[in-house]
Amino acid sequence: MEKRWNRGGNVNVKEFNVIVAGVGGQGILFTTNVIARAALKLGLNFAQSEVHGLSQRYGSIRTELRIGEDVSSPLILEGTLDLLIALEPLEGLRQAPYISERTTVIMNDHIIPPIGAYLDRFSIPSFDEVLELMKSLSPREIITIDAYKIAKEAGDYITANTVMLGAAQASGILPFPEGVLRETLEEVSPPKYRDLNLRAFDLGREAVVLPR
């Protein structure tokens, strides 16, 4: 992977691969749409795969998005993921084949037990167990976010996905300046949720403390 950009807005991306993973009802498609439209706004080439999994509420779902000059196929190869936004930890762990030392993981700390496991009374790992397994995959960095708590502070827990988007931007890994991503979010948000989403995005950014 080769990527060159700065937070001031000079963007030159060769290849940048993103997976957004979670369960139906968490706003995964909305999150992916914001990232894709931000790429379009900056004139960046991108390719997006179809949704994998079940999009109904609580069903497993993920999207793949590839951005950059060298991108042609929409499918991400194993071990080449740059950013994983895991709105649900177990669904994030499902992406293990794609995670490597080049991957930054932004992970919500709230587990939503799979329906099948709940009905069959299978034991569900704790978040700490999921985190240790994620660390064993040797990602470049793992940032954990209490997205639902922050979303409630913003005004509604349904904005947890926007909190995660703000955290991803603040991490410095997304190849977009803050202003472009925030402007895109404002444009695609339904009017009744616009201010709410912007508050959630800002709080998500504030939740990430970067080294000086």
C-alpha atoms as a PDB file:
ATOM      1  CA  MET A   1       0.000   0.000   0.000  1.00  0.00           C
ATOM      2  CA  GLU A   2       1.182   3.500  -0.768  1.00  0.00           C
ATOM      3  CA  LYS A   3      -0.751   6.496   0.462  1.00  0.00           C
ATOM      4  CA  ARG A   4       0.109  10.150   0.731  1.00  0.00           C
ATOM      5  CA  TRP A   5      -2.054  12.769   2.348  1.00  0.00           C
ATOM      6  CA  ASN A   6      -2.138  15.219   5.182  1.00  0.00           C
ATOM      7  CA  ARG A   7      -4.888  16.572   7.375  1.00  0.00           C
ATOM      8  CA  GLY A   8      -4.770  19.832   5.522  1.00  0.00           C
ATOM      9  CA  GLY A   9      -6.403  18.242   2.523  1.00  0.00           C
ATOM     10  CA  ASN A  10      -3.740  17.330  -0.056  1.00  0.00           C
ATOM     11  CA  VAL A  11      -4.954  13.890  -1.032  1.00  0.00           C
ATOM     12  CA  ASN A  12      -3.099  11.403  -3.210  1.00  0.00           C
ATOM     13  CA  VAL A  13      -4.152   7.813  -2.549  1.00  0.00           C
ATOM     14  CA  LYS A  14      -2.783   4.774  -4.361  1.00  0.00           C
ATOM     15  CA  GLU A  15      -4.805   2.110  -2.528  1.00  0.00           C
ATOM     16  CA  PHE A  16      -6.891   2.235   0.644  1.00  0.00           C
ATOM     17  CA  ASN A  17      -9.164  -0.637   1.678  1.00  0.00           C
ATOM     18  CA  VAL A  18     -12.059  -0.319   4.152  1.00  0.00           C
ATOM     19  CA  ILE A  19     -14.481  -2.825   5.654  1.00  0.00           C
ATOM     20  CA  VAL A  20     -17.458  -1.632   7.704  1.00  0.00           C
ATOM     21  CA  ALA A  21     -18.865  -4.566   9.689  1.00  0.00           C
ATOM     22  CA  GLY A  22     -21.712  -5.008  12.134  1.00  0.00           C
ATOM     23  CA  VAL A  23     -25.311  -6.134  12.210  1.00  0.00           C
ATOM     24  CA  GLY A  24     -28.435  -4.961  10.449  1.00  0.00           C
ATOM     25  CA  GLY A  25     -29.903  -1.792  11.942  1.00  0.00           C
ATOM     26  CA  GLN A  26     -26.550  -0.212  12.903  1.00  0.00           C
ATOM     27  CA  GLY A  27     -26.320   2.092   9.895  1.00  0.00           C
ATOM     28  CA  ILE A  28     -23.545   0.280   8.060  1.00  0.00           C
ATOM     29  CA  LEU A  29     -24.787   1.269   4.614  1.00  0.00           C
ATOM     30  CA  PHE A  30     -25.117   4.904   5.691  1.00  0.00           C
ATOM     31  CA  THR A  31     -21.564   4.919   7.067  1.00  0.00           C
ATOM     32  CA  THR A  32     -20.178   3.404   3.876  1.00  0.00           C
ATOM     33  CA  ASN A  33     -22.150   5.865   1.769  1.00  0.00           C
ATOM     34  CA  VAL A  34     -20.610   8.823   3.619  1.00  0.00           C
ATOM     35  CA  ILE A  35     -17.083   7.487   3.039  1.00  0.00           C
ATOM     36  CA  ALA A  36     -17.776   6.781  -0.644  1.00  0.00           C
ATOM     37  CA  ARG A  37     -19.297  10.224  -1.247  1.00  0.00           C
ATOM     38  CA  ALA A  38     -16.361  11.886   0.491  1.00  0.00           C
ATOM     39  CA  ALA A  39     -14.028  10.040  -1.898  1.00  0.00           C
ATOM     40  CA  LEU A  40     -16.172  11.199  -4.816  1.00  0.00           C
ATOM     41  CA  LYS A  41     -16.076  14.782  -3.552  1.00  0.00           C
ATOM     42  CA  LEU A  42     -12.267  14.650  -3.541  1.00  0.00           C
ATOM     43  CA  GLY A  43     -12.154  13.181  -7.038  1.00  0.00           C
ATOM     44  CA  LEU A  44     -10.783   9.846  -5.830  1.00  0.00           C
ATOM     45  CA  ASN A  45     -11.374   6.611  -7.702  1.00  0.00           C
ATOM     46  CA  PHE A  46     -13.249   4.010  -5.657  1.00  0.00           C
ATOM     47  CA  ALA A  47     -14.994   0.658  -5.982  1.00  0.00           C
ATOM     48  CA  GLN A  48     -17.616  -0.710  -3.599  1.00  0.00           C
ATOM     49  CA  SER A  49     -18.698  -4.311  -3.255  1.00  0.00           C
ATOM     50  CA  GLU A  50     -22.210  -5.527  -2.709  1.00  0.00           C
ATOM     51  CA  VAL A  51     -23.408  -6.096   0.834  1.00  0.00           C
ATOM     52  CA  HIS A  52     -22.378  -9.444   2.298  1.00  0.00           C
ATOM     53  CA  GLY A  53     -24.617 -11.202   4.799  1.00  0.00           C
ATOM     54  CA  LEU A  54     -28.135 -10.511   5.978  1.00  0.00           C
ATOM     55  CA  SER A  55     -29.235  -6.908   6.156  1.00  0.00           C
ATOM     56  CA  GLN A  56     -32.277  -7.441   8.343  1.00  0.00           C
ATOM     57  CA  ARG A  57     -32.098  -6.202  11.915  1.00  0.00           C
ATOM     58  CA  TYR A  58     -29.373  -8.011  13.885  1.00  0.00           C
ATOM     59  CA  GLY A  59     -28.281 -10.074  10.865  1.00  0.00           C
ATOM     60  CA  SER A  60     -24.572 -10.125  10.010  1.00  0.00           C
ATOM     61  CA  ILE A  61     -23.617  -7.488   7.431  1.00  0.00           C
ATOM     62  CA  ARG A  62     -20.492  -5.872   6.019  1.00  0.00           C
ATOM     63  CA  THR A  63     -19.457  -3.659   3.124  1.00  0.00           C
ATOM     64  CA  GLU A  64     -16.130  -3.426   1.313  1.00  0.00           C
ATOM     65  CA  LEU A  65     -14.849  -0.162  -0.112  1.00  0.00           C
ATOM     66  CA  ARG A  66     -11.587   0.335  -2.026  1.00  0.00           C
ATOM     67  CA  ILE A  67     -10.255   3.821  -2.718  1.00  0.00           C
ATOM     68  CA  GLY A  68      -7.327   4.958  -4.842  1.00  0.00           C
ATOM     69  CA  GLU A  69      -5.594   5.218  -8.188  1.00  0.00           C
ATOM     70  CA  ASP A  70      -4.635   1.535  -8.336  1.00  0.00           C
ATOM     71  CA  VAL A  71      -8.113   0.229  -7.510  1.00  0.00           C
ATOM     72  CA  SER A  72     -10.102  -1.705 -10.110  1.00  0.00           C
ATOM     73  CA  SER A  73     -11.755  -4.678  -8.407  1.00  0.00           C
ATOM     74  CA  PRO A  74     -14.161  -3.943  -5.524  1.00  0.00           C
ATOM     75  CA  LEU A  75     -13.098  -7.038  -3.574  1.00  0.00           C
ATOM     76  CA  ILE A  76     -10.470  -6.769  -0.847  1.00  0.00           C
ATOM     77  CA  LEU A  77      -7.797  -9.470  -0.756  1.00  0.00           C
ATOM     78  CA  GLU A  78      -6.992 -11.186   2.529  1.00  0.00           C
ATOM     79  CA  GLY A  79      -4.319  -9.372   4.522  1.00  0.00           C
ATOM     80  CA  THR A  80      -4.702  -6.083   2.630  1.00  0.00           C
ATOM     81  CA  LEU A  81      -7.226  -4.262   4.834  1.00  0.00           C
ATOM     82  CA  ASP A  82      -6.264  -0.737   5.920  1.00  0.00           C
ATOM     83  CA  LEU A  83      -9.269   0.205   8.047  1.00  0.00           C
ATOM     84  CA  LEU A  84     -11.846  -1.928   9.829  1.00  0.00           C
ATOM     85  CA  ILE A  85     -14.781  -0.061  11.345  1.00  0.00           C
ATOM     86  CA  ALA A  86     -16.393  -2.685  13.571  1.00  0.00           C
ATOM     87  CA  LEU A  87     -19.726  -1.442  14.835  1.00  0.00           C
ATOM     88  CA  GLU A  88     -20.128  -4.795  16.604  1.00  0.00           C
ATOM     89  CA  PRO A  89     -17.084  -6.611  18.039  1.00  0.00           C
ATOM     90  CA  LEU A  90     -18.003 -10.189  17.054  1.00  0.00           C
ATOM     91  CA  GLU A  91     -18.680  -9.078  13.488  1.00  0.00           C
ATOM     92  CA  GLY A  92     -15.348  -7.275  13.534  1.00  0.00           C
ATOM     93  CA  LEU A  93     -13.649 -10.512  14.554  1.00  0.00           C
ATOM     94  CA  ARG A  94     -15.249 -12.269  11.588  1.00  0.00           C
ATOM     95  CA  GLN A  95     -12.992 -10.136   9.380  1.00  0.00           C
ATOM     96  CA  ALA A  96      -9.868 -11.839  10.796  1.00  0.00           C
ATOM     97  CA  PRO A  97      -8.569 -13.088   7.400  1.00  0.00           C
ATOM     98  CA  TYR A  98      -8.327  -9.496   6.160  1.00  0.00           C
ATOM     99  CA  ILE A  99      -6.505  -8.074   9.199  1.00  0.00           C
ATOM    100  CA  SER A 100      -2.736  -7.648   9.188  1.00  0.00           C
ATOM    101  CA  GLU A 101      -0.034  -5.304  10.468  1.00  0.00           C
ATOM    102  CA  ARG A 102      -1.295  -2.662   8.007  1.00  0.00           C
ATOM    103  CA  THR A 103      -4.805  -2.628   9.534  1.00  0.00           C
ATOM    104  CA  THR A 104      -6.187  -0.007  11.899  1.00  0.00           C
ATOM    105  CA  VAL A 105      -9.230  -1.263  13.811  1.00  0.00           C
ATOM    106  CA  ILE A 106     -11.898   1.110  15.168  1.00  0.00           C
ATOM    107  CA  MET A 107     -14.142  -1.088  17.321  1.00  0.00           C
ATOM    108  CA  ASN A 108     -17.332  -0.418  19.266  1.00  0.00           C
ATOM    109  CA  ASP A 109     -17.216  -2.104  22.668  1.00  0.00           C
ATOM    110  CA  HIS A 110     -20.880  -3.164  22.749  1.00  0.00           C
ATOM    111  CA  ILE A 111     -21.551  -6.816  21.867  1.00  0.00           C
ATOM    112  CA  ILE A 112     -24.864  -7.776  20.232  1.00  0.00           C
ATOM    113  CA  PRO A 113     -25.237 -11.578  20.623  1.00  0.00           C
ATOM    114  CA  PRO A 114     -26.084 -13.387  17.380  1.00  0.00           C
ATOM    115  CA  ILE A 115     -29.708 -14.521  17.274  1.00  0.00           C
ATOM    116  CA  GLY A 116     -28.691 -18.136  16.658  1.00  0.00           C
ATOM    117  CA  ALA A 117     -26.342 -18.186  19.636  1.00  0.00           C
ATOM    118  CA  TYR A 118     -29.018 -16.635  21.834  1.00  0.00           C
ATOM    119  CA  LEU A 119     -31.687 -19.163  20.798  1.00  0.00           C
ATOM    120  CA  ASP A 120     -29.341 -22.141  21.140  1.00  0.00           C
ATOM    121  CA  ARG A 121     -27.883 -20.800  24.384  1.00  0.00           C
ATOM    122  CA  PHE A 122     -24.318 -20.785  23.121  1.00  0.00           C
ATOM    123  CA  SER A 123     -21.863 -18.896  25.310  1.00  0.00           C
ATOM    124  CA  ILE A 124     -20.856 -15.492  23.985  1.00  0.00           C
ATOM    125  CA  PRO A 125     -17.303 -14.213  24.541  1.00  0.00           C
ATOM    126  CA  SER A 126     -16.880 -11.041  26.553  1.00  0.00           C
ATOM    127  CA  PHE A 127     -15.613  -7.874  24.943  1.00  0.00           C
ATOM    128  CA  ASP A 128     -12.256  -8.319  26.679  1.00  0.00           C
ATOM    129  CA  GLU A 129     -11.953 -11.785  25.148  1.00  0.00           C
ATOM    130  CA  VAL A 130     -12.815 -10.432  21.717  1.00  0.00           C
ATOM    131  CA  LEU A 131     -10.246  -7.654  22.181  1.00  0.00           C
ATOM    132  CA  GLU A 132      -7.500 -10.140  23.075  1.00  0.00           C
ATOM    133  CA  LEU A 133      -8.320 -12.225  20.007  1.00  0.00           C
ATOM    134  CA  MET A 134      -8.254  -9.095  17.874  1.00  0.00           C
ATOM    135  CA  LYS A 135      -4.825  -8.171  19.280  1.00  0.00           C
ATOM    136  CA  SER A 136      -3.537 -11.641  18.375  1.00  0.00           C
ATOM    137  CA  LEU A 137      -4.137 -10.782  14.715  1.00  0.00           C
ATOM    138  CA  SER A 138      -1.387  -8.135  15.028  1.00  0.00           C
ATOM    139  CA  PRO A 139      -3.196  -5.116  13.597  1.00  0.00           C
ATOM    140  CA  ARG A 140      -1.342  -1.843  13.308  1.00  0.00           C
ATOM    141  CA  GLU A 141      -3.598  -0.220  15.904  1.00  0.00           C
ATOM    142  CA  ILE A 142      -6.845  -0.938  17.774  1.00  0.00           C
ATOM    143  CA  ILE A 143      -9.030   1.936  18.973  1.00  0.00           C
ATOM    144  CA  THR A 144     -12.007   0.944  21.108  1.00  0.00           C
ATOM    145  CA  ILE A 145     -14.973   3.272  21.466  1.00  0.00           C
ATOM    146  CA  ASP A 146     -18.010   3.203  23.763  1.00  0.00           C
ATOM    147  CA  ALA A 147     -20.068   4.308  20.777  1.00  0.00           C
ATOM    148  CA  TYR A 148     -23.521   3.842  22.300  1.00  0.00           C
ATOM    149  CA  LYS A 149     -22.696   5.866  25.398  1.00  0.00           C
ATOM    150  CA  ILE A 150     -21.273   8.681  23.279  1.00  0.00           C
ATOM    151  CA  ALA A 151     -24.242   8.500  20.896  1.00  0.00           C
ATOM    152  CA  LYS A 152     -26.629   8.937  23.826  1.00  0.00           C
ATOM    153  CA  GLU A 153     -24.638  12.005  24.861  1.00  0.00           C
ATOM    154  CA  ALA A 154     -25.144  13.321  21.336  1.00  0.00           C
ATOM    155  CA  GLY A 155     -28.891  12.810  21.657  1.00  0.00           C
ATOM    156  CA  ASP A 156     -29.765   9.324  20.374  1.00  0.00           C
ATOM    157  CA  TYR A 157     -28.055   5.928  20.463  1.00  0.00           C
ATOM    158  CA  ILE A 158     -28.874   5.390  16.760  1.00  0.00           C
ATOM    159  CA  THR A 159     -25.973   7.702  15.891  1.00  0.00           C
ATOM    160  CA  ALA A 160     -23.400   5.193  17.167  1.00  0.00           C
ATOM    161  CA  ASN A 161     -22.293   4.630  13.575  1.00  0.00           C
ATOM    162  CA  THR A 162     -21.608   8.348  13.159  1.00  0.00           C
ATOM    163  CA  VAL A 163     -19.635   8.335  16.406  1.00  0.00           C
ATOM    164  CA  MET A 164     -17.482   5.569  14.931  1.00  0.00           C
ATOM    165  CA  LEU A 165     -17.036   7.566  11.732  1.00  0.00           C
ATOM    166  CA  GLY A 166     -15.810  10.563  13.729  1.00  0.00           C
ATOM    167  CA  ALA A 167     -13.400   8.330  15.640  1.00  0.00           C
ATOM    168  CA  ALA A 168     -12.065   6.906  12.380  1.00  0.00           C
ATOM    169  CA  GLN A 169     -11.450  10.387  11.015  1.00  0.00           C
ATOM    170  CA  ALA A 170      -9.712  11.534  14.195  1.00  0.00           C
ATOM    171  CA  SER A 171      -7.423   8.487  14.109  1.00  0.00           C
ATOM    172  CA  GLY A 172      -5.753   9.973  11.033  1.00  0.00           C
ATOM    173  CA  ILE A 173      -6.125   6.774   9.013  1.00  0.00           C
ATOM    174  CA  LEU A 174      -8.985   7.885   6.739  1.00  0.00           C
ATOM    175  CA  PRO A 175      -7.601   9.734   3.707  1.00  0.00           C
ATOM    176  CA  PHE A 176     -10.000  12.674   4.055  1.00  0.00           C
ATOM    177  CA  PRO A 177      -9.663  16.032   5.799  1.00  0.00           C
ATOM    178  CA  GLU A 178     -12.134  16.554   8.631  1.00  0.00           C
ATOM    179  CA  GLY A 179     -13.978  19.311   6.794  1.00  0.00           C
ATOM    180  CA  VAL A 180     -14.687  17.160   3.738  1.00  0.00           C
ATOM    181  CA  LEU A 181     -16.035  14.221   5.746  1.00  0.00           C
ATOM    182  CA  ARG A 182     -18.115  16.476   7.974  1.00  0.00           C
ATOM    183  CA  GLU A 183     -19.514  18.355   4.966  1.00  0.00           C
ATOM    184  CA  THR A 184     -20.400  15.050   3.287  1.00  0.00           C
ATOM    185  CA  LEU A 185     -22.121  13.823   6.445  1.00  0.00           C
ATOM    186  CA  GLU A 186     -24.154  17.009   6.575  1.00  0.00           C
ATOM    187  CA  GLU A 187     -25.223  16.571   2.936  1.00  0.00           C
ATOM    188  CA  VAL A 188     -26.338  12.940   3.175  1.00  0.00           C
ATOM    189  CA  SER A 189     -28.043  13.105   6.588  1.00  0.00           C
ATOM    190  CA  PRO A 190     -31.846  13.350   6.567  1.00  0.00           C
ATOM    191  CA  PRO A 191     -32.822  16.871   7.752  1.00  0.00           C
ATOM    192  CA  LYS A 192     -34.312  15.630  11.042  1.00  0.00           C
ATOM    193  CA  TYR A 193     -31.041  13.844  11.938  1.00  0.00           C
ATOM    194  CA  ARG A 194     -28.522  16.325  10.503  1.00  0.00           C
ATOM    195  CA  ASP A 195     -27.619  18.206  13.676  1.00  0.00           C
ATOM    196  CA  LEU A 196     -27.735  14.983  15.681  1.00  0.00           C
ATOM    197  CA  ASN A 197     -25.300  13.268  13.317  1.00  0.00           C
ATOM    198  CA  LEU A 198     -22.924  16.217  13.342  1.00  0.00           C
ATOM    199  CA  ARG A 199     -22.871  16.252  17.155  1.00  0.00           C
ATOM    200  CA  ALA A 200     -22.206  12.515  17.212  1.00  0.00           C
ATOM    201  CA  PHE A 201     -19.412  12.887  14.647  1.00  0.00           C
ATOM    202  CA  ASP A 202     -17.729  15.628  16.693  1.00  0.00           C
ATOM    203  CA  LEU A 203     -18.024  13.644  19.940  1.00  0.00           C
ATOM    204  CA  GLY A 204     -16.565  10.600  18.204  1.00  0.00           C
ATOM    205  CA  ARG A 205     -13.574  12.676  17.131  1.00  0.00           C
ATOM    206  CA  GLU A 206     -13.125  14.006  20.652  1.00  0.00           C
ATOM    207  CA  ALA A 207     -13.146  10.452  22.045  1.00  0.00           C
ATOM    208  CA  VAL A 208      -9.919   9.586  20.208  1.00  0.00           C
ATOM    209  CA  VAL A 209      -6.785  10.800  21.955  1.00  0.00           C
ATOM    210  CA  LEU A 210      -3.864  10.759  19.536  1.00  0.00           C
ATOM    211  CA  PRO A 211      -0.194  10.727  20.616  1.00  0.00           C
ATOM    212  CA  ARG A 212       1.562  14.070  20.312  1.00  0.00           C
END
